[in-house]
Amino acid sequence: MISLEDALYAMLLGSCNNVASAIANNLGNYVIKKRNNKYFSCFDVNAENREGNLQLFLELMVKYSISMKMNESFFVNVHGLGGNLGSCLDVVKLTSECFKIPLFCKISSAKRYLITIQEID
């Protein structure tokens, strides 16, 4: 098991699209459980309804892009491989928002990062 921060490093520095899907699955699971007032443990590898989690996260991505007036972008998956389209202007809008987040700035300026894998009891 790895922390969310380690997963973000893997996704952003290592371009690990499978990690992007894992993050989306877990955050989608979080939203679903929060809506149902259920307990949530971050990075629950046994997250129920995996496709539903990914679909929910994709819907949240689309809503966020609309709120940012990213009118020339189209998302069909959470990992960015095949099918997603985005204009240069929309990428600039999103990147500008990302640079307002201190953790994003920290990760994007790193030259390398060592991920710590934690054993699950």
PDB file of N, CA and C in Angstrom:
ATOM      1  N   MET A   1       0.854  -1.157   0.000  1.00  0.00           N
ATOM      2  CA  MET A   1       0.000   0.000   0.000  1.00  0.00           C
ATOM      3  C   MET A   1       0.905   1.226   0.000  1.00  0.00           C
ATOM      4  N   ILE A   2       0.474   2.276  -0.730  1.00  0.00           N
ATOM      5  CA  ILE A   2       1.217   3.535  -0.735  1.00  0.00           C
ATOM      6  C   ILE A   2       0.273   4.669  -0.342  1.00  0.00           C
ATOM      7  N   SER A   3       0.860   5.767   0.085  1.00  0.00           N
ATOM      8  CA  SER A   3       0.052   6.921   0.477  1.00  0.00           C
ATOM      9  C   SER A   3      -0.460   7.644  -0.771  1.00  0.00           C
ATOM     10  N   LEU A   4      -1.452   8.480  -0.582  1.00  0.00           N
ATOM     11  CA  LEU A   4      -1.970   9.279  -1.687  1.00  0.00           C
ATOM     12  C   LEU A   4      -0.876  10.186  -2.238  1.00  0.00           C
ATOM     13  N   GLU A   5      -0.066  10.760  -1.363  1.00  0.00           N
ATOM     14  CA  GLU A   5       1.028  11.625  -1.832  1.00  0.00           C
ATOM     15  C   GLU A   5       2.006  10.844  -2.707  1.00  0.00           C
ATOM     16  N   ASP A   6       2.375   9.636  -2.282  1.00  0.00           N
ATOM     17  CA  ASP A   6       3.258   8.804  -3.100  1.00  0.00           C
ATOM     18  C   ASP A   6       2.602   8.481  -4.441  1.00  0.00           C
ATOM     19  N   ALA A   7       1.303   8.217  -4.416  1.00  0.00           N
ATOM     20  CA  ALA A   7       0.582   7.923  -5.662  1.00  0.00           C
ATOM     21  C   ALA A   7       0.599   9.135  -6.592  1.00  0.00           C
ATOM     22  N   LEU A   8       0.449  10.323  -6.028  1.00  0.00           N
ATOM     23  CA  LEU A   8       0.492  11.539  -6.846  1.00  0.00           C
ATOM     24  C   LEU A   8       1.874  11.724  -7.471  1.00  0.00           C
ATOM     25  N   TYR A   9       2.925  11.442  -6.707  1.00  0.00           N
ATOM     26  CA  TYR A   9       4.279  11.506  -7.271  1.00  0.00           C
ATOM     27  C   TYR A   9       4.415  10.525  -8.429  1.00  0.00           C
ATOM     28  N   ALA A  10       3.934   9.306  -8.252  1.00  0.00           N
ATOM     29  CA  ALA A  10       4.022   8.297  -9.311  1.00  0.00           C
ATOM     30  C   ALA A  10       3.254   8.738 -10.552  1.00  0.00           C
ATOM     31  N   MET A  11       2.083   9.312 -10.335  1.00  0.00           N
ATOM     32  CA  MET A  11       1.253   9.741 -11.466  1.00  0.00           C
ATOM     33  C   MET A  11       1.888  10.928 -12.189  1.00  0.00           C
ATOM     34  N   LEU A  12       2.330  11.931 -11.426  1.00  0.00           N
ATOM     35  CA  LEU A  12       2.813  13.159 -12.051  1.00  0.00           C
ATOM     36  C   LEU A  12       4.256  13.067 -12.537  1.00  0.00           C
ATOM     37  N   LEU A  13       5.133  12.417 -11.776  1.00  0.00           N
ATOM     38  CA  LEU A  13       6.531  12.309 -12.196  1.00  0.00           C
ATOM     39  C   LEU A  13       6.766  11.114 -13.109  1.00  0.00           C
ATOM     40  N   GLY A  14       6.104  10.017 -12.813  1.00  0.00           N
ATOM     41  CA  GLY A  14       6.334   8.792 -13.576  1.00  0.00           C
ATOM     42  C   GLY A  14       5.333   8.555 -14.687  1.00  0.00           C
ATOM     43  N   SER A  15       4.379   9.458 -14.835  1.00  0.00           N
ATOM     44  CA  SER A  15       3.319   9.308 -15.845  1.00  0.00           C
ATOM     45  C   SER A  15       2.643   7.942 -15.759  1.00  0.00           C
ATOM     46  N   CYS A  16       2.380   7.493 -14.556  1.00  0.00           N
ATOM     47  CA  CYS A  16       1.766   6.181 -14.339  1.00  0.00           C
ATOM     48  C   CYS A  16       0.246   6.297 -14.454  1.00  0.00           C
ATOM     49  N   ASN A  17      -0.262   5.951 -15.616  1.00  0.00           N
ATOM     50  CA  ASN A  17      -1.700   6.055 -15.851  1.00  0.00           C
ATOM     51  C   ASN A  17      -2.491   5.061 -15.016  1.00  0.00           C
ATOM     52  N   ASN A  18      -1.883   3.919 -14.697  1.00  0.00           N
ATOM     53  CA  ASN A  18      -2.573   2.952 -13.841  1.00  0.00           C
ATOM     54  C   ASN A  18      -2.759   3.532 -12.430  1.00  0.00           C
ATOM     55  N   VAL A  19      -1.828   4.357 -11.993  1.00  0.00           N
ATOM     56  CA  VAL A  19      -1.966   5.006 -10.691  1.00  0.00           C
ATOM     57  C   VAL A  19      -3.073   6.059 -10.756  1.00  0.00           C
ATOM     58  N   ALA A  20      -3.182   6.753 -11.890  1.00  0.00           N
ATOM     59  CA  ALA A  20      -4.276   7.723 -12.059  1.00  0.00           C
ATOM     60  C   ALA A  20      -5.623   7.018 -11.905  1.00  0.00           C
ATOM     61  N   SER A  21      -5.744   5.829 -12.485  1.00  0.00           N
ATOM     62  CA  SER A  21      -6.985   5.057 -12.347  1.00  0.00           C
ATOM     63  C   SER A  21      -7.214   4.632 -10.899  1.00  0.00           C
ATOM     64  N   ALA A  22      -6.151   4.233 -10.204  1.00  0.00           N
ATOM     65  CA  ALA A  22      -6.285   3.826  -8.794  1.00  0.00           C
ATOM     66  C   ALA A  22      -6.712   5.014  -7.931  1.00  0.00           C
ATOM     67  N   ILE A  23      -6.143   6.187  -8.188  1.00  0.00           N
ATOM     68  CA  ILE A  23      -6.531   7.385  -7.445  1.00  0.00           C
ATOM     69  C   ILE A  23      -8.003   7.693  -7.712  1.00  0.00           C
ATOM     70  N   ALA A  24      -8.396   7.669  -8.982  1.00  0.00           N
ATOM     71  CA  ALA A  24      -9.793   7.953  -9.342  1.00  0.00           C
ATOM     72  C   ALA A  24     -10.738   6.948  -8.695  1.00  0.00           C
ATOM     73  N   ASN A  25     -10.359   5.672  -8.704  1.00  0.00           N
ATOM     74  CA  ASN A  25     -11.196   4.634  -8.101  1.00  0.00           C
ATOM     75  C   ASN A  25     -11.391   4.902  -6.610  1.00  0.00           C
ATOM     76  N   ASN A  26     -10.302   5.205  -5.921  1.00  0.00           N
ATOM     77  CA  ASN A  26     -10.392   5.431  -4.479  1.00  0.00           C
ATOM     78  C   ASN A  26     -11.119   6.720  -4.141  1.00  0.00           C
ATOM     79  N   LEU A  27     -10.901   7.781  -4.905  1.00  0.00           N
ATOM     80  CA  LEU A  27     -11.617   9.024  -4.632  1.00  0.00           C
ATOM     81  C   LEU A  27     -13.097   8.891  -4.986  1.00  0.00           C
ATOM     82  N   GLY A  28     -13.401   8.162  -6.055  1.00  0.00           N
ATOM     83  CA  GLY A  28     -14.801   7.879  -6.377  1.00  0.00           C
ATOM     84  C   GLY A  28     -15.456   7.081  -5.266  1.00  0.00           C
ATOM     85  N   ASN A  29     -14.731   6.096  -4.739  1.00  0.00           N
ATOM     86  CA  ASN A  29     -15.214   5.288  -3.620  1.00  0.00           C
ATOM     87  C   ASN A  29     -15.451   6.175  -2.399  1.00  0.00           C
ATOM     88  N   TYR A  30     -14.535   7.115  -2.161  1.00  0.00           N
ATOM     89  CA  TYR A  30     -14.681   8.042  -1.035  1.00  0.00           C
ATOM     90  C   TYR A  30     -15.970   8.848  -1.163  1.00  0.00           C
ATOM     91  N   VAL A  31     -16.220   9.385  -2.347  1.00  0.00           N
ATOM     92  CA  VAL A  31     -17.426  10.203  -2.564  1.00  0.00           C
ATOM     93  C   VAL A  31     -18.680   9.357  -2.351  1.00  0.00           C
ATOM     94  N   ILE A  32     -18.681   8.149  -2.890  1.00  0.00           N
ATOM     95  CA  ILE A  32     -19.840   7.261  -2.742  1.00  0.00           C
ATOM     96  C   ILE A  32     -20.079   6.956  -1.264  1.00  0.00           C
ATOM     97  N   LYS A  33     -19.032   6.591  -0.542  1.00  0.00           N
ATOM     98  CA  LYS A  33     -19.194   6.255   0.881  1.00  0.00           C
ATOM     99  C   LYS A  33     -19.578   7.480   1.699  1.00  0.00           C
ATOM    100  N   LYS A  34     -19.009   8.639   1.355  1.00  0.00           N
ATOM    101  CA  LYS A  34     -19.361   9.856   2.092  1.00  0.00           C
ATOM    102  C   LYS A  34     -20.832  10.197   1.880  1.00  0.00           C
ATOM    103  N   ARG A  35     -21.319  10.013   0.652  1.00  0.00           N
ATOM    104  CA  ARG A  35     -22.735  10.260   0.372  1.00  0.00           C
ATOM    105  C   ARG A  35     -23.634   9.332   1.170  1.00  0.00           C
ATOM    106  N   ASN A  36     -23.144   8.127   1.438  1.00  0.00           N
ATOM    107  CA  ASN A  36     -23.930   7.131   2.183  1.00  0.00           C
ATOM    108  C   ASN A  36     -23.571   7.090   3.664  1.00  0.00           C
ATOM    109  N   ASN A  37     -22.783   8.070   4.132  1.00  0.00           N
ATOM    110  CA  ASN A  37     -22.349   8.151   5.534  1.00  0.00           C
ATOM    111  C   ASN A  37     -21.675   6.870   6.016  1.00  0.00           C
ATOM    112  N   LYS A  38     -20.807   6.302   5.175  1.00  0.00           N
ATOM    113  CA  LYS A  38     -20.087   5.089   5.544  1.00  0.00           C
ATOM    114  C   LYS A  38     -18.636   5.425   5.875  1.00  0.00           C
ATOM    115  N   TYR A  39     -17.997   4.550   6.636  1.00  0.00           N
ATOM    116  CA  TYR A  39     -16.584   4.686   6.969  1.00  0.00           C
ATOM    117  C   TYR A  39     -15.745   4.554   5.707  1.00  0.00           C
ATOM    118  N   PHE A  40     -14.685   5.342   5.620  1.00  0.00           N
ATOM    119  CA  PHE A  40     -13.801   5.271   4.458  1.00  0.00           C
ATOM    120  C   PHE A  40     -12.354   5.174   4.919  1.00  0.00           C
ATOM    121  N   SER A  41     -11.625   4.265   4.316  1.00  0.00           N
ATOM    122  CA  SER A  41     -10.195   4.151   4.550  1.00  0.00           C
ATOM    123  C   SER A  41      -9.493   4.429   3.233  1.00  0.00           C
ATOM    124  N   CYS A  42      -8.655   5.451   3.196  1.00  0.00           N
ATOM    125  CA  CYS A  42      -8.010   5.860   1.950  1.00  0.00           C
ATOM    126  C   CYS A  42      -7.235   4.703   1.320  1.00  0.00           C
ATOM    127  N   PHE A  43      -7.326   4.612   0.040  1.00  0.00           N
ATOM    128  CA  PHE A  43      -6.699   3.576  -0.760  1.00  0.00           C
ATOM    129  C   PHE A  43      -7.127   2.180  -0.336  1.00  0.00           C
ATOM    130  N   ASP A  44      -8.421   2.011  -0.283  1.00  0.00           N
ATOM    131  CA  ASP A  44      -9.051   0.734  -0.005  1.00  0.00           C
ATOM    132  C   ASP A  44      -8.942  -0.108  -1.268  1.00  0.00           C
ATOM    133  N   VAL A  45      -8.028  -1.081  -1.255  1.00  0.00           N
ATOM    134  CA  VAL A  45      -7.796  -1.878  -2.451  1.00  0.00           C
ATOM    135  C   VAL A  45      -8.992  -2.749  -2.814  1.00  0.00           C
ATOM    136  N   ASN A  46      -9.893  -2.955  -1.880  1.00  0.00           N
ATOM    137  CA  ASN A  46     -11.084  -3.750  -2.143  1.00  0.00           C
ATOM    138  C   ASN A  46     -12.306  -2.857  -2.361  1.00  0.00           C
ATOM    139  N   ALA A  47     -12.086  -1.675  -2.901  1.00  0.00           N
ATOM    140  CA  ALA A  47     -13.186  -0.723  -3.104  1.00  0.00           C
ATOM    141  C   ALA A  47     -14.291  -1.372  -3.918  1.00  0.00           C
ATOM    142  N   GLU A  48     -15.511  -1.281  -3.383  1.00  0.00           N
ATOM    143  CA  GLU A  48     -16.643  -1.868  -4.081  1.00  0.00           C
ATOM    144  C   GLU A  48     -16.987  -1.047  -5.323  1.00  0.00           C
ATOM    145  N   ASN A  49     -17.661  -1.690  -6.275  1.00  0.00           N
ATOM    146  CA  ASN A  49     -18.216  -1.003  -7.430  1.00  0.00           C
ATOM    147  C   ASN A  49     -17.163  -0.189  -8.168  1.00  0.00           C
ATOM    148  N   ARG A  50     -16.067  -0.823  -8.528  1.00  0.00           N
ATOM    149  CA  ARG A  50     -14.931  -0.130  -9.142  1.00  0.00           C
ATOM    150  C   ARG A  50     -15.336   0.688 -10.352  1.00  0.00           C
ATOM    151  N   GLU A  51     -16.087   0.130 -11.269  1.00  0.00           N
ATOM    152  CA  GLU A  51     -16.496   0.879 -12.465  1.00  0.00           C
ATOM    153  C   GLU A  51     -17.362   2.071 -12.100  1.00  0.00           C
ATOM    154  N   GLY A  52     -18.212   1.896 -11.099  1.00  0.00           N
ATOM    155  CA  GLY A  52     -19.033   3.008 -10.635  1.00  0.00           C
ATOM    156  C   GLY A  52     -18.189   4.119 -10.045  1.00  0.00           C
ATOM    157  N   ASN A  53     -17.120   3.729  -9.329  1.00  0.00           N
ATOM    158  CA  ASN A  53     -16.205   4.719  -8.757  1.00  0.00           C
ATOM    159  C   ASN A  53     -15.534   5.527  -9.856  1.00  0.00           C
ATOM    160  N   LEU A  54     -15.050   4.819 -10.877  1.00  0.00           N
ATOM    161  CA  LEU A  54     -14.366   5.494 -11.981  1.00  0.00           C
ATOM    162  C   LEU A  54     -15.328   6.387 -12.750  1.00  0.00           C
ATOM    163  N   GLN A  55     -16.542   5.910 -12.970  1.00  0.00           N
ATOM    164  CA  GLN A  55     -17.542   6.705 -13.688  1.00  0.00           C
ATOM    165  C   GLN A  55     -17.892   7.963 -12.898  1.00  0.00           C
ATOM    166  N   LEU A  56     -18.043   7.823 -11.585  1.00  0.00           N
ATOM    167  CA  LEU A  56     -18.344   8.982 -10.743  1.00  0.00           C
ATOM    168  C   LEU A  56     -17.205   9.992 -10.809  1.00  0.00           C
ATOM    169  N   PHE A  57     -15.964   9.519 -10.713  1.00  0.00           N
ATOM    170  CA  PHE A  57     -14.824  10.431 -10.777  1.00  0.00           C
ATOM    171  C   PHE A  57     -14.775  11.127 -12.134  1.00  0.00           C
ATOM    172  N   LEU A  58     -15.046  10.394 -13.204  1.00  0.00           N
ATOM    173  CA  LEU A  58     -15.081  10.986 -14.547  1.00  0.00           C
ATOM    174  C   LEU A  58     -16.156  12.068 -14.624  1.00  0.00           C
ATOM    175  N   GLU A  59     -17.310  11.810 -14.061  1.00  0.00           N
ATOM    176  CA  GLU A  59     -18.383  12.816 -14.036  1.00  0.00           C
ATOM    177  C   GLU A  59     -17.940  14.065 -13.273  1.00  0.00           C
ATOM    178  N   LEU A  60     -17.218  13.870 -12.166  1.00  0.00           N
ATOM    179  CA  LEU A  60     -16.703  15.006 -11.405  1.00  0.00           C
ATOM    180  C   LEU A  60     -15.667  15.776 -12.220  1.00  0.00           C
ATOM    181  N   MET A  61     -14.826  15.058 -12.977  1.00  0.00           N
ATOM    182  CA  MET A  61     -13.853  15.716 -13.861  1.00  0.00           C
ATOM    183  C   MET A  61     -14.569  16.598 -14.884  1.00  0.00           C
ATOM    184  N   VAL A  62     -15.605  16.063 -15.494  1.00  0.00           N
ATOM    185  CA  VAL A  62     -16.346  16.796 -16.515  1.00  0.00           C
ATOM    186  C   VAL A  62     -17.007  18.034 -15.906  1.00  0.00           C
ATOM    187  N   LYS A  63     -17.646  17.861 -14.738  1.00  0.00           N
ATOM    188  CA  LYS A  63     -18.282  19.009 -14.072  1.00  0.00           C
ATOM    189  C   LYS A  63     -17.259  20.087 -13.739  1.00  0.00           C
ATOM    190  N   TYR A  64     -16.091  19.673 -13.262  1.00  0.00           N
ATOM    191  CA  TYR A  64     -15.050  20.640 -12.918  1.00  0.00           C
ATOM    192  C   TYR A  64     -14.559  21.358 -14.171  1.00  0.00           C
ATOM    193  N   SER A  65     -14.387  20.615 -15.258  1.00  0.00           N
ATOM    194  CA  SER A  65     -13.920  21.251 -16.494  1.00  0.00           C
ATOM    195  C   SER A  65     -14.948  22.259 -17.015  1.00  0.00           C
ATOM    196  N   ILE A  66     -16.213  21.961 -16.861  1.00  0.00           N
ATOM    197  CA  ILE A  66     -17.269  22.895 -17.270  1.00  0.00           C
ATOM    198  C   ILE A  66     -17.221  24.144 -16.390  1.00  0.00           C
ATOM    199  N   SER A  67     -17.040  23.951 -15.085  1.00  0.00           N
ATOM    200  CA  SER A  67     -16.983  25.104 -14.174  1.00  0.00           C
ATOM    201  C   SER A  67     -15.780  25.992 -14.468  1.00  0.00           C
ATOM    202  N   MET A  68     -14.723  25.422 -15.036  1.00  0.00           N
ATOM    203  CA  MET A  68     -13.535  26.190 -15.394  1.00  0.00           C
ATOM    204  C   MET A  68     -13.613  26.734 -16.825  1.00  0.00           C
ATOM    205  N   LYS A  69     -14.754  26.514 -17.468  1.00  0.00           N
ATOM    206  CA  LYS A  69     -14.954  26.945 -18.858  1.00  0.00           C
ATOM    207  C   LYS A  69     -13.920  26.337 -19.812  1.00  0.00           C
ATOM    208  N   MET A  70     -13.627  25.057 -19.554  1.00  0.00           N
ATOM    209  CA  MET A  70     -12.750  24.304 -20.448  1.00  0.00           C
ATOM    210  C   MET A  70     -13.636  23.725 -21.555  1.00  0.00           C
ATOM    211  N   ASN A  71     -14.063  24.592 -22.450  1.00  0.00           N
ATOM    212  CA  ASN A  71     -15.077  24.254 -23.445  1.00  0.00           C
ATOM    213  C   ASN A  71     -14.565  23.446 -24.628  1.00  0.00           C
ATOM    214  N   GLU A  72     -13.265  23.294 -24.738  1.00  0.00           N
ATOM    215  CA  GLU A  72     -12.705  22.576 -25.888  1.00  0.00           C
ATOM    216  C   GLU A  72     -12.080  21.247 -25.473  1.00  0.00           C
ATOM    217  N   SER A  73     -12.495  20.736 -24.330  1.00  0.00           N
ATOM    218  CA  SER A  73     -11.964  19.460 -23.838  1.00  0.00           C
ATOM    219  C   SER A  73     -13.078  18.440 -23.705  1.00  0.00           C
ATOM    220  N   PHE A  74     -12.704  17.172 -23.846  1.00  0.00           N
ATOM    221  CA  PHE A  74     -13.649  16.065 -23.824  1.00  0.00           C
ATOM    222  C   PHE A  74     -12.974  14.900 -23.123  1.00  0.00           C
ATOM    223  N   PHE A  75     -13.594  14.398 -22.053  1.00  0.00           N
ATOM    224  CA  PHE A  75     -13.010  13.302 -21.274  1.00  0.00           C
ATOM    225  C   PHE A  75     -13.876  12.055 -21.384  1.00  0.00           C
ATOM    226  N   VAL A  76     -13.246  10.935 -21.692  1.00  0.00           N
ATOM    227  CA  VAL A  76     -13.963   9.657 -21.745  1.00  0.00           C
ATOM    228  C   VAL A  76     -13.409   8.647 -20.743  1.00  0.00           C
ATOM    229  N   ASN A  77     -12.261   8.959 -20.121  1.00  0.00           N
ATOM    230  CA  ASN A  77     -11.690   8.076 -19.108  1.00  0.00           C
ATOM    231  C   ASN A  77     -10.880   8.905 -18.120  1.00  0.00           C
ATOM    232  N   VAL A  78     -10.475   8.289 -17.027  1.00  0.00           N
ATOM    233  CA  VAL A  78      -9.785   9.011 -15.957  1.00  0.00           C
ATOM    234  C   VAL A  78      -8.268   8.986 -16.103  1.00  0.00           C
ATOM    235  N   HIS A  79      -7.728   8.123 -16.945  1.00  0.00           N
ATOM    236  CA  HIS A  79      -6.278   7.949 -17.025  1.00  0.00           C
ATOM    237  C   HIS A  79      -5.623   8.698 -18.181  1.00  0.00           C
ATOM    238  N   GLY A  80      -6.399   9.212 -19.106  1.00  0.00           N
ATOM    239  CA  GLY A  80      -5.837  10.032 -20.170  1.00  0.00           C
ATOM    240  C   GLY A  80      -5.352   9.285 -21.399  1.00  0.00           C
ATOM    241  N   LEU A  81      -5.486   7.984 -21.420  1.00  0.00           N
ATOM    242  CA  LEU A  81      -5.040   7.226 -22.593  1.00  0.00           C
ATOM    243  C   LEU A  81      -6.205   6.988 -23.541  1.00  0.00           C
ATOM    244  N   GLY A  82      -6.088   7.462 -24.742  1.00  0.00           N
ATOM    245  CA  GLY A  82      -7.087   7.194 -25.773  1.00  0.00           C
ATOM    246  C   GLY A  82      -8.437   7.812 -25.536  1.00  0.00           C
ATOM    247  N   GLY A  83      -8.845   8.682 -26.431  1.00  0.00           N
ATOM    248  CA  GLY A  83     -10.196   9.214 -26.400  1.00  0.00           C
ATOM    249  C   GLY A  83     -10.352  10.589 -25.793  1.00  0.00           C
ATOM    250  N   ASN A  84      -9.544  10.932 -24.802  1.00  0.00           N
ATOM    251  CA  ASN A  84      -9.644  12.258 -24.202  1.00  0.00           C
ATOM    252  C   ASN A  84      -9.055  13.299 -25.153  1.00  0.00           C
ATOM    253  N   LEU A  85      -9.708  14.438 -25.226  1.00  0.00           N
ATOM    254  CA  LEU A  85      -9.218  15.532 -26.059  1.00  0.00           C
ATOM    255  C   LEU A  85      -9.169  16.807 -25.232  1.00  0.00           C
ATOM    256  N   GLY A  86      -8.154  17.618 -25.460  1.00  0.00           N
ATOM    257  CA  GLY A  86      -8.057  18.892 -24.755  1.00  0.00           C
ATOM    258  C   GLY A  86      -7.304  19.901 -25.599  1.00  0.00           C
ATOM    259  N   SER A  87      -7.807  21.125 -25.632  1.00  0.00           N
ATOM    260  CA  SER A  87      -7.120  22.173 -26.374  1.00  0.00           C
ATOM    261  C   SER A  87      -5.963  22.725 -25.544  1.00  0.00           C
ATOM    262  N   CYS A  88      -5.058  23.398 -26.205  1.00  0.00           N
ATOM    263  CA  CYS A  88      -3.930  24.023 -25.491  1.00  0.00           C
ATOM    264  C   CYS A  88      -4.444  25.020 -24.465  1.00  0.00           C
ATOM    265  N   LEU A  89      -5.455  25.803 -24.833  1.00  0.00           N
ATOM    266  CA  LEU A  89      -6.009  26.793 -23.917  1.00  0.00           C
ATOM    267  C   LEU A  89      -6.578  26.131 -22.670  1.00  0.00           C
ATOM    268  N   ASP A  90      -7.291  25.034 -22.844  1.00  0.00           N
ATOM    269  CA  ASP A  90      -7.868  24.327 -21.700  1.00  0.00           C
ATOM    270  C   ASP A  90      -6.786  23.731 -20.804  1.00  0.00           C
ATOM    271  N   VAL A  91      -5.719  23.218 -21.408  1.00  0.00           N
ATOM    272  CA  VAL A  91      -4.614  22.670 -20.619  1.00  0.00           C
ATOM    273  C   VAL A  91      -3.964  23.787 -19.805  1.00  0.00           C
ATOM    274  N   VAL A  92      -3.828  24.965 -20.388  1.00  0.00           N
ATOM    275  CA  VAL A  92      -3.271  26.108 -19.659  1.00  0.00           C
ATOM    276  C   VAL A  92      -4.181  26.495 -18.496  1.00  0.00           C
ATOM    277  N   LYS A  93      -5.492  26.504 -18.715  1.00  0.00           N
ATOM    278  CA  LYS A  93      -6.438  26.824 -17.635  1.00  0.00           C
ATOM    279  C   LYS A  93      -6.281  25.842 -16.474  1.00  0.00           C
ATOM    280  N   LEU A  94      -6.226  24.556 -16.794  1.00  0.00           N
ATOM    281  CA  LEU A  94      -6.107  23.536 -15.755  1.00  0.00           C
ATOM    282  C   LEU A  94      -4.763  23.627 -15.041  1.00  0.00           C
ATOM    283  N   THR A  95      -3.698  23.799 -15.803  1.00  0.00           N
ATOM    284  CA  THR A  95      -2.363  23.897 -15.209  1.00  0.00           C
ATOM    285  C   THR A  95      -2.255  25.111 -14.297  1.00  0.00           C
ATOM    286  N   SER A  96      -2.856  26.225 -14.706  1.00  0.00           N
ATOM    287  CA  SER A  96      -2.848  27.428 -13.864  1.00  0.00           C
ATOM    288  C   SER A  96      -3.513  27.159 -12.522  1.00  0.00           C
ATOM    289  N   GLU A  97      -4.614  26.410 -12.539  1.00  0.00           N
ATOM    290  CA  GLU A  97      -5.288  26.048 -11.290  1.00  0.00           C
ATOM    291  C   GLU A  97      -4.414  25.109 -10.453  1.00  0.00           C
ATOM    292  N   CYS A  98      -3.765  24.166 -11.118  1.00  0.00           N
ATOM    293  CA  CYS A  98      -2.915  23.204 -10.404  1.00  0.00           C
ATOM    294  C   CYS A  98      -1.773  23.907  -9.671  1.00  0.00           C
ATOM    295  N   PHE A  99      -1.204  24.952 -10.298  1.00  0.00           N
ATOM    296  CA  PHE A  99      -0.080  25.642  -9.670  1.00  0.00           C
ATOM    297  C   PHE A  99      -0.494  26.482  -8.468  1.00  0.00           C
ATOM    298  N   LYS A 100      -1.773  26.562  -8.180  1.00  0.00           N
ATOM    299  CA  LYS A 100      -2.249  27.207  -6.951  1.00  0.00           C
ATOM    300  C   LYS A 100      -2.206  26.240  -5.768  1.00  0.00           C
ATOM    301  N   ILE A 101      -1.927  24.975  -6.037  1.00  0.00           N
ATOM    302  CA  ILE A 101      -1.904  23.932  -5.015  1.00  0.00           C
ATOM    303  C   ILE A 101      -0.449  23.663  -4.622  1.00  0.00           C
ATOM    304  N   PRO A 102      -0.076  23.960  -3.370  1.00  0.00           N
ATOM    305  CA  PRO A 102       1.325  23.791  -2.948  1.00  0.00           C
ATOM    306  C   PRO A 102       1.895  22.388  -3.207  1.00  0.00           C
ATOM    307  N   LEU A 103       1.114  21.339  -2.965  1.00  0.00           N
ATOM    308  CA  LEU A 103       1.625  19.982  -3.194  1.00  0.00           C
ATOM    309  C   LEU A 103       1.929  19.753  -4.669  1.00  0.00           C
ATOM    310  N   PHE A 104       1.099  20.272  -5.554  1.00  0.00           N
ATOM    311  CA  PHE A 104       1.362  20.136  -6.990  1.00  0.00           C
ATOM    312  C   PHE A 104       2.683  20.829  -7.343  1.00  0.00           C
ATOM    313  N   CYS A 105       2.910  22.013  -6.802  1.00  0.00           N
ATOM    314  CA  CYS A 105       4.162  22.738  -7.056  1.00  0.00           C
ATOM    315  C   CYS A 105       5.359  21.940  -6.552  1.00  0.00           C
ATOM    316  N   LYS A 106       5.210  21.362  -5.376  1.00  0.00           N
ATOM    317  CA  LYS A 106       6.287  20.556  -4.784  1.00  0.00           C
ATOM    318  C   LYS A 106       6.597  19.340  -5.667  1.00  0.00           C
ATOM    319  N   ILE A 107       5.557  18.635  -6.072  1.00  0.00           N
ATOM    320  CA  ILE A 107       5.759  17.430  -6.889  1.00  0.00           C
ATOM    321  C   ILE A 107       6.323  17.790  -8.260  1.00  0.00           C
ATOM    322  N   SER A 108       5.769  18.812  -8.890  1.00  0.00           N
ATOM    323  CA  SER A 108       6.201  19.149 -10.250  1.00  0.00           C
ATOM    324  C   SER A 108       7.619  19.704 -10.300  1.00  0.00           C
ATOM    325  N   SER A 109       8.142  20.168  -9.170  1.00  0.00           N
ATOM    326  CA  SER A 109       9.516  20.677  -9.160  1.00  0.00           C
ATOM    327  C   SER A 109      10.534  19.604  -8.751  1.00  0.00           C
ATOM    328  N   ALA A 110      10.069  18.443  -8.345  1.00  0.00           N
ATOM    329  CA  ALA A 110      10.972  17.368  -7.912  1.00  0.00           C
ATOM    330  C   ALA A 110      11.672  16.737  -9.117  1.00  0.00           C
ATOM    331  N   LYS A 111      12.930  16.418  -8.933  1.00  0.00           N
ATOM    332  CA  LYS A 111      13.688  15.737  -9.992  1.00  0.00           C
ATOM    333  C   LYS A 111      13.563  14.222  -9.859  1.00  0.00           C
ATOM    334  N   ARG A 112      13.389  13.762  -8.630  1.00  0.00           N
ATOM    335  CA  ARG A 112      13.194  12.331  -8.373  1.00  0.00           C
ATOM    336  C   ARG A 112      12.491  12.184  -7.036  1.00  0.00           C
ATOM    337  N   TYR A 113      11.946  10.991  -6.827  1.00  0.00           N
ATOM    338  CA  TYR A 113      11.208  10.740  -5.590  1.00  0.00           C
ATOM    339  C   TYR A 113      11.236   9.250  -5.304  1.00  0.00           C
ATOM    340  N   LEU A 114      11.456   8.895  -4.057  1.00  0.00           N
ATOM    341  CA  LEU A 114      11.470   7.498  -3.638  1.00  0.00           C
ATOM    342  C   LEU A 114      10.148   7.178  -2.953  1.00  0.00           C
ATOM    343  N   ILE A 115       9.423   6.236  -3.507  1.00  0.00           N
ATOM    344  CA  ILE A 115       8.126   5.834  -2.955  1.00  0.00           C
ATOM    345  C   ILE A 115       8.329   4.791  -1.870  1.00  0.00           C
ATOM    346  N   THR A 116       7.627   4.982  -0.768  1.00  0.00           N
ATOM    347  CA  THR A 116       7.678   4.047   0.346  1.00  0.00           C
ATOM    348  C   THR A 116       6.455   3.129   0.273  1.00  0.00           C
ATOM    349  N   ILE A 117       6.721   1.841   0.203  1.00  0.00           N
ATOM    350  CA  ILE A 117       5.634   0.863   0.174  1.00  0.00           C
ATOM    351  C   ILE A 117       5.426   0.333   1.592  1.00  0.00           C
ATOM    352  N   GLN A 118       4.167   0.421   2.042  1.00  0.00           N
ATOM    353  CA  GLN A 118       3.831  -0.012   3.394  1.00  0.00           C
ATOM    354  C   GLN A 118       3.165  -1.379   3.327  1.00  0.00           C
ATOM    355  N   GLU A 119       3.567  -2.251   4.241  1.00  0.00           N
ATOM    356  CA  GLU A 119       2.949  -3.573   4.310  1.00  0.00           C
ATOM    357  C   GLU A 119       1.589  -3.466   4.979  1.00  0.00           C
ATOM    358  N   ILE A 120       0.666  -4.273   4.511  1.00  0.00           N
ATOM    359  CA  ILE A 120      -0.667  -4.332   5.101  1.00  0.00           C
ATOM    360  C   ILE A 120      -0.723  -5.520   6.032  1.00  0.00           C
ATOM    361  N   ASP A 121      -1.156  -5.284   7.261  1.00  0.00           N
ATOM    362  CA  ASP A 121      -1.257  -6.384   8.239  1.00  0.00           C
ATOM    363  C   ASP A 121      -2.390  -7.302   7.918  1.00  0.00           C
TER     364      ASP A 121
END
